[in-house]
Amino acid sequence: MTFDHHAATFRVASSILAVAGQMPERPSDQAADPSQRSTEFHAVEGGAEVMSGETLLVEAYAALWIILFGFIFVSWRRQSRIDARVSELERLVAQGPGK
């Protein structure tokens, strides 16, 4: 007996959609016809949020530099702790077991 994952997924999805009563409709033939699509640009009107590309670029670079410096700082701190621990272990090994 084999388990058909795709069939099981389809059955679950169709059950959920049937219960919800939202079976997706097939697109009409007119909408699928490429000749019926708009070929002109229509600008969106009423948009209140406008930011310049330069501002977004500077903010993105600033965020990347902050993340990079944070990563370097955290790595430097961890390396300092590792160096201290290695120095302590070297000192203990140099003392020997009976000392």
Protein backbone atom coordinates (compact mmCIF):
# COMPACT_ATOMS: atom_id res chain seq x y z
CA MET A 1 0.00 0.00 0.00
CA THR A 2 1.53 3.31 -1.10
CA PHE A 3 0.62 6.78 0.10
CA ASP A 4 -0.14 9.27 -2.65
CA HIS A 5 0.78 12.61 -1.09
CA HIS A 6 -0.65 14.71 -3.90
CA ALA A 7 -4.01 12.96 -3.87
CA ALA A 8 -4.23 13.26 -0.10
CA THR A 9 -3.34 16.95 -0.23
CA PHE A 10 -5.95 17.55 -2.93
CA ARG A 11 -8.63 15.74 -0.92
CA VAL A 12 -7.86 17.78 2.20
CA ALA A 13 -7.77 21.06 0.30
CA SER A 14 -11.00 20.33 -1.57
CA SER A 15 -12.69 19.31 1.70
CA ILE A 16 -11.64 22.54 3.38
CA LEU A 17 -12.81 24.66 0.45
CA ALA A 18 -16.09 22.77 0.21
CA VAL A 19 -16.76 23.25 3.91
CA ALA A 20 -15.91 26.93 3.67
CA GLY A 21 -18.16 27.26 0.64
CA GLN A 22 -15.50 29.09 -1.30
CA MET A 23 -14.73 26.83 -4.21
CA PRO A 24 -12.60 28.90 -6.58
CA GLU A 25 -14.27 29.76 -9.85
CA ARG A 26 -12.58 29.08 -13.13
CA PRO A 27 -11.40 32.23 -14.88
CA SER A 28 -13.59 33.23 -17.78
CA ASP A 29 -12.32 32.67 -21.28
CA GLN A 30 -12.43 36.42 -21.91
CA ALA A 31 -9.97 37.18 -19.06
CA ALA A 32 -7.60 34.48 -20.28
CA ASP A 33 -7.51 35.94 -23.79
CA PRO A 34 -4.32 38.06 -24.12
CA SER A 35 -5.93 40.39 -26.66
CA GLN A 36 -8.42 41.57 -24.01
CA ARG A 37 -5.74 42.69 -21.58
CA SER A 38 -4.84 46.32 -21.15
CA THR A 39 -1.61 47.39 -22.82
CA GLU A 40 -1.54 50.90 -21.39
CA PHE A 41 -0.02 52.18 -18.17
CA HIS A 42 -2.54 53.51 -15.67
CA ALA A 43 -1.00 55.44 -12.80
CA VAL A 44 -2.36 54.82 -9.33
CA GLU A 45 -3.98 57.94 -7.96
CA GLY A 46 -4.36 58.91 -4.33
CA GLY A 47 -1.27 57.18 -3.00
CA ALA A 48 -0.07 59.13 0.04
CA GLU A 49 3.13 57.20 0.69
CA VAL A 50 5.96 58.46 -1.48
CA MET A 51 9.65 57.99 -0.69
CA SER A 52 12.55 58.73 -2.95
CA GLY A 53 14.74 55.91 -4.14
CA GLU A 54 17.83 57.66 -2.80
CA THR A 55 16.40 57.74 0.72
CA LEU A 56 15.54 54.05 0.59
CA LEU A 57 19.01 53.21 -0.72
CA VAL A 58 20.74 55.15 2.07
CA GLU A 59 18.51 53.53 4.70
CA ALA A 60 19.24 50.08 3.32
CA TYR A 61 23.01 50.65 3.34
CA ALA A 62 22.84 52.10 6.86
CA ALA A 63 20.92 49.07 8.08
CA LEU A 64 23.46 46.72 6.49
CA TRP A 65 26.40 48.58 8.05
CA ILE A 66 24.75 48.53 11.48
CA ILE A 67 24.12 44.79 11.18
CA LEU A 68 27.71 44.21 10.02
CA PHE A 69 29.23 46.22 12.88
CA GLY A 70 26.96 44.45 15.37
CA PHE A 71 28.06 41.07 14.04
CA ILE A 72 31.73 42.06 14.22
CA PHE A 73 31.31 43.37 17.79
CA VAL A 74 29.56 40.19 18.97
CA SER A 75 32.21 38.04 17.27
CA TRP A 76 35.01 40.08 18.87
CA ARG A 77 33.45 39.65 22.33
CA ARG A 78 33.06 35.89 21.86
CA GLN A 79 36.63 35.58 20.61
CA SER A 80 37.89 37.48 23.67
CA ARG A 81 36.11 35.01 25.96
CA ILE A 82 37.48 32.06 24.00
CA ASP A 83 41.02 33.49 24.20
CA ALA A 84 40.67 33.94 27.96
CA ARG A 85 39.42 30.38 28.38
CA VAL A 86 42.24 28.95 26.24
CA SER A 87 44.81 30.93 28.26
CA GLU A 88 43.33 29.54 31.48
CA LEU A 89 43.43 25.99 30.13
CA GLU A 90 47.02 26.40 28.94
CA ARG A 91 47.99 27.65 32.41
CA LEU A 92 46.32 24.65 34.05
CA VAL A 93 48.01 22.20 31.66
CA ALA A 94 51.40 23.82 32.29
CA GLN A 95 50.97 23.41 36.06
CA GLY A 96 50.59 19.69 35.66
CA PRO A 97 48.30 17.27 37.48
CA GLY A 98 49.96 17.28 40.92
CA LYS A 99 50.74 20.93 41.28
